[in-house]
Amino acid sequence: MAKSFKLSLLMRKKSGDAIYHKQDGQRFDNPHTIKLNINTEYNVRIEIRPPLHLNNVIIHGERFEPKMDEKKSKDDDTLHAYEMSFNTTNYEMLKRGKRKELPLVFELEKGLTMSVQLQCKFYPETEKEHSKWGSALTMLEYECYVPESQTFVDIKREKYL
């Protein structure tokens, strides 16, 4: 049986500061750029509606085991919520006009795999001006579909909110 779900990805600096994104039009492969600082820790929250179990997240080749937010997932039976953090230590700062694809892989229950590429611009860890140009990124929302008898997730729509 085919399955549809939404996956929301919320990301903030560990300090609580927002991250930013901007539209780049057709200058790059993706019309959206997310602005991140190198050598910085980020908190990530992943919400999946209707509930699906999330086993692992792979960011830039590094595997993470997100922890389920037991209270949120138990109090709201319409979703599963997970939390984790990752650090951009050893990421390269990018020169003007350059972007880097940041691959994310979500390994879900029953062997389902979802893959996205975030187009990012990496700034020095202390840079606080250019990294805030654009709009604060509250979340990325993915509307997903799994065709019958397949394990790879198709992304039908991506929203930057």
N, C-alpha and C. Protein backbone atom coordinates (compact mmCIF):
# COMPACT_ATOMS: atom_id res chain seq x y z
N MET A 1 0.84 -1.18 0.00
CA MET A 1 0.00 0.00 0.00
C MET A 1 0.88 1.25 0.00
N ALA A 2 0.58 2.20 -0.86
CA ALA A 2 1.35 3.44 -0.93
C ALA A 2 1.12 4.25 0.34
N LYS A 3 2.11 5.06 0.70
CA LYS A 3 2.05 5.80 1.95
C LYS A 3 2.48 7.25 1.72
N SER A 4 1.75 8.18 2.32
CA SER A 4 2.10 9.60 2.29
C SER A 4 2.39 10.06 3.70
N PHE A 5 3.34 10.99 3.85
CA PHE A 5 3.64 11.57 5.15
C PHE A 5 4.34 12.91 4.96
N LYS A 6 4.43 13.67 6.05
CA LYS A 6 5.16 14.95 6.06
C LYS A 6 6.32 14.82 7.03
N LEU A 7 7.46 15.32 6.61
CA LEU A 7 8.62 15.38 7.49
C LEU A 7 9.00 16.84 7.60
N SER A 8 9.06 17.34 8.84
CA SER A 8 9.46 18.72 9.10
C SER A 8 10.84 18.71 9.74
N LEU A 9 11.71 19.57 9.25
CA LEU A 9 13.08 19.68 9.73
C LEU A 9 13.27 21.08 10.29
N LEU A 10 13.50 21.16 11.60
CA LEU A 10 13.71 22.44 12.28
C LEU A 10 15.16 22.47 12.74
N MET A 11 15.86 23.57 12.44
CA MET A 11 17.26 23.67 12.78
C MET A 11 17.57 25.04 13.35
N ARG A 12 18.31 25.07 14.46
CA ARG A 12 18.74 26.32 15.11
C ARG A 12 20.16 26.11 15.61
N LYS A 13 20.85 27.22 15.83
CA LYS A 13 22.14 27.13 16.48
C LYS A 13 21.93 26.68 17.91
N LYS A 14 22.90 26.00 18.49
CA LYS A 14 22.77 25.53 19.87
C LYS A 14 22.53 26.71 20.82
N SER A 15 23.06 27.87 20.46
CA SER A 15 22.85 29.07 21.28
C SER A 15 21.39 29.51 21.28
N GLY A 16 20.58 28.94 20.38
CA GLY A 16 19.18 29.33 20.26
C GLY A 16 18.94 30.30 19.12
N ASP A 17 20.02 30.82 18.53
CA ASP A 17 19.88 31.75 17.41
C ASP A 17 19.33 31.04 16.18
N ALA A 18 18.54 31.76 15.43
CA ALA A 18 17.96 31.23 14.20
C ALA A 18 19.04 31.08 13.13
N ILE A 19 18.75 30.23 12.14
CA ILE A 19 19.57 30.21 10.94
C ILE A 19 18.75 30.89 9.85
N TYR A 20 19.42 31.28 8.78
CA TYR A 20 18.78 32.07 7.74
C TYR A 20 18.90 31.38 6.39
N HIS A 21 18.01 31.79 5.50
CA HIS A 21 18.06 31.31 4.12
C HIS A 21 17.69 32.46 3.21
N LYS A 22 18.05 32.32 1.95
CA LYS A 22 17.64 33.31 0.97
C LYS A 22 17.39 32.63 -0.36
N GLN A 23 16.62 33.30 -1.19
CA GLN A 23 16.38 32.79 -2.53
C GLN A 23 17.46 33.33 -3.44
N ASP A 24 18.05 32.43 -4.21
CA ASP A 24 19.12 32.81 -5.14
C ASP A 24 18.66 32.77 -6.58
N GLY A 25 17.39 32.51 -6.81
CA GLY A 25 16.90 32.44 -8.18
C GLY A 25 17.55 31.28 -8.92
N GLN A 26 17.99 31.53 -10.12
CA GLN A 26 18.57 30.48 -10.96
C GLN A 26 20.10 30.49 -10.98
N ARG A 27 20.73 31.24 -10.07
CA ARG A 27 22.21 31.34 -10.06
C ARG A 27 22.89 30.01 -9.75
N PHE A 28 22.22 29.15 -8.98
CA PHE A 28 22.80 27.88 -8.55
C PHE A 28 21.83 26.75 -8.85
N ASP A 29 22.22 25.52 -8.51
CA ASP A 29 21.38 24.35 -8.78
C ASP A 29 20.04 24.43 -8.06
N ASN A 30 20.04 24.94 -6.83
CA ASN A 30 18.84 25.04 -6.02
C ASN A 30 18.52 26.53 -5.85
N PRO A 31 17.27 26.94 -5.94
CA PRO A 31 16.95 28.36 -5.80
C PRO A 31 17.05 28.87 -4.35
N HIS A 32 17.22 27.98 -3.36
CA HIS A 32 17.32 28.38 -1.95
C HIS A 32 18.70 28.06 -1.40
N THR A 33 19.24 28.99 -0.62
CA THR A 33 20.51 28.76 0.08
C THR A 33 20.30 28.93 1.57
N ILE A 34 20.76 27.93 2.33
CA ILE A 34 20.74 27.99 3.79
C ILE A 34 22.11 28.46 4.25
N LYS A 35 22.13 29.40 5.19
CA LYS A 35 23.38 30.00 5.66
C LYS A 35 23.77 29.40 7.00
N LEU A 36 24.95 28.79 7.04
CA LEU A 36 25.44 28.16 8.25
C LEU A 36 26.85 28.67 8.55
N ASN A 37 27.25 28.57 9.81
CA ASN A 37 28.60 28.94 10.21
C ASN A 37 29.41 27.67 10.46
N ILE A 38 30.70 27.71 10.13
CA ILE A 38 31.56 26.57 10.42
C ILE A 38 31.87 26.53 11.91
N ASN A 39 32.33 25.39 12.38
CA ASN A 39 32.70 25.20 13.79
C ASN A 39 31.58 25.63 14.74
N THR A 40 30.36 25.29 14.39
CA THR A 40 29.19 25.69 15.16
C THR A 40 28.31 24.47 15.38
N GLU A 41 27.72 24.38 16.57
CA GLU A 41 26.81 23.27 16.86
C GLU A 41 25.38 23.70 16.58
N TYR A 42 24.63 22.80 15.95
CA TYR A 42 23.24 23.05 15.58
C TYR A 42 22.35 22.00 16.22
N ASN A 43 21.22 22.45 16.74
CA ASN A 43 20.18 21.54 17.25
C ASN A 43 19.19 21.30 16.12
N VAL A 44 18.80 20.06 15.97
CA VAL A 44 17.90 19.65 14.90
C VAL A 44 16.71 18.94 15.52
N ARG A 45 15.53 19.29 15.04
CA ARG A 45 14.30 18.61 15.45
C ARG A 45 13.62 18.11 14.18
N ILE A 46 13.18 16.88 14.22
CA ILE A 46 12.52 16.26 13.07
C ILE A 46 11.16 15.78 13.55
N GLU A 47 10.11 16.19 12.83
CA GLU A 47 8.75 15.75 13.16
C GLU A 47 8.17 15.04 11.95
N ILE A 48 7.54 13.89 12.20
CA ILE A 48 6.99 13.08 11.11
C ILE A 48 5.52 12.82 11.40
N ARG A 49 4.68 13.21 10.41
CA ARG A 49 3.22 13.05 10.50
C ARG A 49 2.72 12.29 9.28
N PRO A 50 1.90 11.28 9.40
CA PRO A 50 1.60 10.53 10.60
C PRO A 50 2.86 9.85 11.12
N PRO A 51 2.83 9.36 12.34
CA PRO A 51 4.04 8.86 12.98
C PRO A 51 4.73 7.75 12.20
N LEU A 52 6.03 7.91 12.01
CA LEU A 52 6.92 6.87 11.48
C LEU A 52 8.15 6.87 12.37
N HIS A 53 8.73 5.71 12.57
CA HIS A 53 9.94 5.64 13.38
C HIS A 53 11.15 6.05 12.54
N LEU A 54 11.97 6.92 13.10
CA LEU A 54 13.20 7.38 12.46
C LEU A 54 14.37 6.68 13.14
N ASN A 55 15.10 5.86 12.39
CA ASN A 55 16.22 5.11 12.95
C ASN A 55 17.51 5.93 13.02
N ASN A 56 17.87 6.54 11.90
CA ASN A 56 19.12 7.28 11.80
C ASN A 56 18.98 8.45 10.85
N VAL A 57 19.87 9.42 11.03
CA VAL A 57 20.01 10.53 10.09
C VAL A 57 21.49 10.59 9.72
N ILE A 58 21.77 10.70 8.44
CA ILE A 58 23.15 10.83 7.98
C ILE A 58 23.30 12.23 7.40
N ILE A 59 24.19 13.02 7.99
CA ILE A 59 24.45 14.38 7.51
C ILE A 59 25.89 14.45 7.06
N HIS A 60 26.07 14.76 5.79
CA HIS A 60 27.42 14.93 5.24
C HIS A 60 28.28 13.70 5.51
N GLY A 61 27.66 12.51 5.44
CA GLY A 61 28.37 11.26 5.62
C GLY A 61 28.50 10.79 7.07
N GLU A 62 28.07 11.59 8.03
CA GLU A 62 28.17 11.23 9.45
C GLU A 62 26.81 10.75 9.94
N ARG A 63 26.80 9.57 10.57
CA ARG A 63 25.56 8.95 11.04
C ARG A 63 25.22 9.43 12.46
N PHE A 64 23.95 9.78 12.65
CA PHE A 64 23.45 10.22 13.95
C PHE A 64 22.25 9.37 14.32
N GLU A 65 22.10 9.09 15.61
CA GLU A 65 20.91 8.42 16.13
C GLU A 65 20.07 9.45 16.85
N PRO A 66 19.03 9.96 16.21
CA PRO A 66 18.19 10.96 16.88
C PRO A 66 17.43 10.34 18.04
N LYS A 67 17.22 11.13 19.07
CA LYS A 67 16.48 10.67 20.25
C LYS A 67 15.02 11.10 20.13
N MET A 68 14.12 10.16 20.38
CA MET A 68 12.70 10.50 20.30
C MET A 68 12.33 11.40 21.47
N ASP A 69 11.59 12.45 21.18
CA ASP A 69 11.01 13.31 22.22
C ASP A 69 9.80 12.55 22.74
N GLU A 70 10.04 11.75 23.77
CA GLU A 70 8.99 10.84 24.29
C GLU A 70 7.73 11.58 24.70
N LYS A 71 7.88 12.72 25.37
CA LYS A 71 6.72 13.46 25.85
C LYS A 71 5.88 13.96 24.68
N LYS A 72 6.52 14.61 23.73
CA LYS A 72 5.78 15.17 22.58
C LYS A 72 5.14 14.04 21.77
N SER A 73 5.89 12.98 21.53
CA SER A 73 5.37 11.88 20.72
C SER A 73 4.25 11.13 21.43
N LYS A 74 4.30 11.08 22.75
CA LYS A 74 3.27 10.40 23.53
C LYS A 74 2.02 11.27 23.68
N ASP A 75 2.23 12.59 23.90
CA ASP A 75 1.10 13.50 24.10
C ASP A 75 0.34 13.80 22.81
N ASP A 76 1.04 13.70 21.68
CA ASP A 76 0.42 14.00 20.39
C ASP A 76 0.57 12.77 19.51
N ASP A 77 -0.47 11.94 19.45
CA ASP A 77 -0.34 10.68 18.72
C ASP A 77 -0.40 10.85 17.20
N THR A 78 -0.39 12.09 16.71
CA THR A 78 -0.40 12.33 15.27
C THR A 78 1.00 12.48 14.70
N LEU A 79 2.03 12.46 15.57
CA LEU A 79 3.39 12.63 15.07
C LEU A 79 4.41 11.92 15.95
N HIS A 80 5.58 11.72 15.37
CA HIS A 80 6.77 11.34 16.12
C HIS A 80 7.74 12.50 16.00
N ALA A 81 8.34 12.89 17.13
CA ALA A 81 9.30 13.99 17.15
C ALA A 81 10.64 13.47 17.63
N TYR A 82 11.71 13.92 16.97
CA TYR A 82 13.08 13.48 17.29
C TYR A 82 13.98 14.70 17.42
N GLU A 83 15.00 14.55 18.25
CA GLU A 83 15.96 15.63 18.44
C GLU A 83 17.38 15.10 18.33
N MET A 84 18.27 15.92 17.84
CA MET A 84 19.68 15.58 17.72
C MET A 84 20.46 16.87 17.53
N SER A 85 21.77 16.77 17.54
CA SER A 85 22.59 17.93 17.22
C SER A 85 23.72 17.48 16.31
N PHE A 86 24.23 18.41 15.53
CA PHE A 86 25.40 18.14 14.71
C PHE A 86 26.28 19.38 14.70
N ASN A 87 27.55 19.17 14.37
CA ASN A 87 28.53 20.23 14.44
C ASN A 87 29.19 20.38 13.08
N THR A 88 29.45 21.62 12.70
CA THR A 88 30.08 21.89 11.40
C THR A 88 31.60 22.04 11.52
N THR A 89 32.19 21.42 12.53
CA THR A 89 33.64 21.40 12.65
C THR A 89 34.23 20.68 11.43
N ASN A 90 35.29 21.23 10.89
CA ASN A 90 35.99 20.72 9.70
C ASN A 90 35.21 20.93 8.40
N TYR A 91 34.13 21.68 8.42
CA TYR A 91 33.47 22.07 7.17
C TYR A 91 34.26 23.23 6.60
N GLU A 92 34.26 23.35 5.28
CA GLU A 92 35.03 24.42 4.64
C GLU A 92 34.19 25.68 4.48
N MET A 93 34.84 26.82 4.81
CA MET A 93 34.22 28.11 4.55
C MET A 93 34.21 28.31 3.03
N LEU A 94 33.16 28.92 2.50
CA LEU A 94 33.05 29.08 1.06
C LEU A 94 33.29 30.52 0.64
N LYS A 95 33.92 30.66 -0.50
CA LYS A 95 34.18 31.99 -1.05
C LYS A 95 32.91 32.55 -1.67
N ARG A 96 32.96 33.82 -1.93
CA ARG A 96 31.83 34.52 -2.52
C ARG A 96 31.38 33.82 -3.81
N GLY A 97 30.07 33.67 -3.94
CA GLY A 97 29.50 33.07 -5.14
C GLY A 97 29.56 31.54 -5.17
N LYS A 98 30.00 30.91 -4.11
CA LYS A 98 30.09 29.45 -4.06
C LYS A 98 29.06 28.88 -3.08
N ARG A 99 28.54 27.71 -3.41
CA ARG A 99 27.59 27.00 -2.57
C ARG A 99 28.02 25.55 -2.47
N LYS A 100 27.58 24.87 -1.42
CA LYS A 100 27.90 23.46 -1.23
C LYS A 100 26.61 22.70 -0.95
N GLU A 101 26.50 21.54 -1.56
CA GLU A 101 25.37 20.66 -1.29
C GLU A 101 25.65 19.88 -0.01
N LEU A 102 24.72 19.95 0.94
CA LEU A 102 24.83 19.22 2.19
C LEU A 102 23.83 18.07 2.13
N PRO A 103 24.33 16.83 1.95
CA PRO A 103 23.40 15.70 1.83
C PRO A 103 22.88 15.25 3.20
N LEU A 104 21.57 14.99 3.25
CA LEU A 104 20.91 14.44 4.44
C LEU A 104 20.16 13.19 4.01
N VAL A 105 20.33 12.12 4.77
CA VAL A 105 19.62 10.88 4.51
C VAL A 105 18.87 10.51 5.78
N PHE A 106 17.58 10.25 5.64
CA PHE A 106 16.74 9.83 6.77
C PHE A 106 16.43 8.35 6.58
N GLU A 107 16.87 7.53 7.54
CA GLU A 107 16.58 6.10 7.50
C GLU A 107 15.39 5.84 8.42
N LEU A 108 14.28 5.48 7.80
CA LEU A 108 13.01 5.31 8.51
C LEU A 108 12.69 3.83 8.70
N GLU A 109 11.57 3.59 9.37
CA GLU A 109 11.13 2.22 9.62
C GLU A 109 10.91 1.47 8.32
N LYS A 110 10.96 0.14 8.42
CA LYS A 110 10.68 -0.77 7.31
C LYS A 110 11.59 -0.53 6.11
N GLY A 111 12.81 -0.06 6.37
CA GLY A 111 13.78 0.12 5.30
C GLY A 111 13.55 1.33 4.41
N LEU A 112 12.64 2.22 4.79
CA LEU A 112 12.40 3.42 3.98
C LEU A 112 13.58 4.38 4.08
N THR A 113 13.95 4.96 2.96
CA THR A 113 15.07 5.91 2.91
C THR A 113 14.63 7.17 2.19
N MET A 114 14.91 8.31 2.82
CA MET A 114 14.61 9.62 2.23
C MET A 114 15.91 10.41 2.15
N SER A 115 16.15 11.00 1.00
CA SER A 115 17.39 11.74 0.79
C SER A 115 17.08 13.14 0.28
N VAL A 116 17.75 14.14 0.87
CA VAL A 116 17.62 15.52 0.40
C VAL A 116 19.01 16.15 0.31
N GLN A 117 19.11 17.17 -0.50
CA GLN A 117 20.33 17.94 -0.64
C GLN A 117 20.01 19.38 -0.27
N LEU A 118 20.64 19.88 0.78
CA LEU A 118 20.46 21.28 1.17
C LEU A 118 21.59 22.09 0.56
N GLN A 119 21.25 23.12 -0.16
CA GLN A 119 22.27 24.01 -0.72
C GLN A 119 22.66 25.01 0.37
N CYS A 120 23.93 25.00 0.74
CA CYS A 120 24.38 25.81 1.88
C CYS A 120 25.53 26.72 1.50
N LYS A 121 25.63 27.79 2.22
CA LYS A 121 26.77 28.70 2.19
C LYS A 121 27.34 28.67 3.59
N PHE A 122 28.63 28.36 3.72
CA PHE A 122 29.28 28.28 5.02
C PHE A 122 30.13 29.51 5.26
N TYR A 123 29.90 30.14 6.40
CA TYR A 123 30.59 31.36 6.81
C TYR A 123 31.50 31.06 7.99
N PRO A 124 32.47 31.96 8.28
CA PRO A 124 33.29 31.76 9.48
C PRO A 124 32.41 31.71 10.72
N GLU A 125 32.89 31.05 11.76
CA GLU A 125 32.06 30.87 12.96
C GLU A 125 31.69 32.18 13.63
N THR A 126 32.52 33.21 13.49
CA THR A 126 32.25 34.49 14.16
C THR A 126 31.50 35.47 13.26
N GLU A 127 31.26 35.12 12.01
CA GLU A 127 30.59 36.02 11.07
C GLU A 127 29.11 36.13 11.44
N LYS A 128 28.65 37.36 11.68
CA LYS A 128 27.26 37.55 12.12
C LYS A 128 26.47 38.52 11.25
N GLU A 129 27.06 39.01 10.17
CA GLU A 129 26.35 39.95 9.32
C GLU A 129 25.79 39.26 8.08
N HIS A 130 26.67 38.77 7.20
CA HIS A 130 26.22 38.14 5.96
C HIS A 130 25.43 36.86 6.20
N SER A 131 25.76 36.16 7.28
CA SER A 131 25.06 34.90 7.55
C SER A 131 23.61 35.13 7.99
N LYS A 132 23.25 36.40 8.23
CA LYS A 132 21.86 36.72 8.62
C LYS A 132 21.10 37.45 7.52
N TRP A 133 21.71 37.61 6.36
CA TRP A 133 20.97 38.21 5.26
C TRP A 133 19.95 37.20 4.77
N GLY A 134 18.76 37.66 4.51
CA GLY A 134 17.69 36.78 4.06
C GLY A 134 16.60 36.70 5.11
N SER A 135 15.95 35.56 5.17
CA SER A 135 14.84 35.33 6.10
C SER A 135 15.21 34.24 7.09
N ALA A 136 14.72 34.41 8.32
CA ALA A 136 14.93 33.35 9.33
C ALA A 136 14.23 32.09 8.84
N LEU A 137 14.90 30.96 9.00
CA LEU A 137 14.33 29.68 8.58
C LEU A 137 13.73 28.99 9.79
N THR A 138 12.41 28.96 9.85
CA THR A 138 11.71 28.28 10.94
C THR A 138 11.79 26.78 10.75
N MET A 139 11.47 26.32 9.53
CA MET A 139 11.53 24.89 9.24
C MET A 139 11.51 24.63 7.75
N LEU A 140 11.95 23.45 7.39
CA LEU A 140 11.78 22.91 6.05
C LEU A 140 10.72 21.84 6.17
N GLU A 141 9.76 21.86 5.29
CA GLU A 141 8.69 20.87 5.33
C GLU A 141 8.68 20.11 4.02
N TYR A 142 8.68 18.79 4.13
CA TYR A 142 8.68 17.91 2.97
C TYR A 142 7.40 17.09 2.95
N GLU A 143 6.69 17.18 1.84
CA GLU A 143 5.53 16.31 1.63
C GLU A 143 6.04 15.11 0.84
N CYS A 144 5.87 13.93 1.43
CA CYS A 144 6.51 12.73 0.91
C CYS A 144 5.50 11.67 0.49
N TYR A 145 5.95 10.81 -0.40
CA TYR A 145 5.13 9.72 -0.91
C TYR A 145 6.02 8.51 -1.14
N VAL A 146 5.56 7.36 -0.70
CA VAL A 146 6.29 6.11 -0.94
C VAL A 146 5.43 5.25 -1.85
N PRO A 147 5.86 5.06 -3.09
CA PRO A 147 5.10 4.20 -4.00
C PRO A 147 5.03 2.77 -3.47
N GLU A 148 3.96 2.09 -3.82
CA GLU A 148 3.76 0.72 -3.36
C GLU A 148 4.94 -0.15 -3.75
N SER A 149 5.35 -1.00 -2.84
CA SER A 149 6.44 -1.97 -2.99
C SER A 149 7.82 -1.32 -3.23
N GLN A 150 7.98 -0.05 -2.83
CA GLN A 150 9.28 0.60 -2.91
C GLN A 150 9.72 1.05 -1.53
N THR A 151 11.01 1.31 -1.38
CA THR A 151 11.53 1.76 -0.10
C THR A 151 12.17 3.14 -0.18
N PHE A 152 12.21 3.71 -1.37
CA PHE A 152 12.78 5.05 -1.51
C PHE A 152 11.65 6.07 -1.52
N VAL A 153 11.80 7.12 -0.71
CA VAL A 153 10.77 8.14 -0.54
C VAL A 153 10.85 9.18 -1.65
N ASP A 154 9.74 9.44 -2.31
CA ASP A 154 9.64 10.52 -3.29
C ASP A 154 9.21 11.79 -2.56
N ILE A 155 9.87 12.89 -2.84
CA ILE A 155 9.49 14.18 -2.25
C ILE A 155 8.61 14.90 -3.27
N LYS A 156 7.36 15.12 -2.87
CA LYS A 156 6.40 15.77 -3.77
C LYS A 156 6.48 17.29 -3.68
N ARG A 157 6.80 17.81 -2.49
CA ARG A 157 6.87 19.26 -2.33
C ARG A 157 7.82 19.58 -1.19
N GLU A 158 8.57 20.65 -1.36
CA GLU A 158 9.49 21.15 -0.34
C GLU A 158 9.12 22.60 -0.06
N LYS A 159 8.95 22.93 1.22
CA LYS A 159 8.61 24.31 1.60
C LYS A 159 9.63 24.84 2.58
N TYR A 160 10.09 26.08 2.35
CA TYR A 160 10.94 26.79 3.29
C TYR A 160 10.05 27.74 4.07
N LEU A 161 9.90 27.52 5.36
CA LEU A 161 9.01 28.33 6.18
C LEU A 161 9.80 29.08 7.25
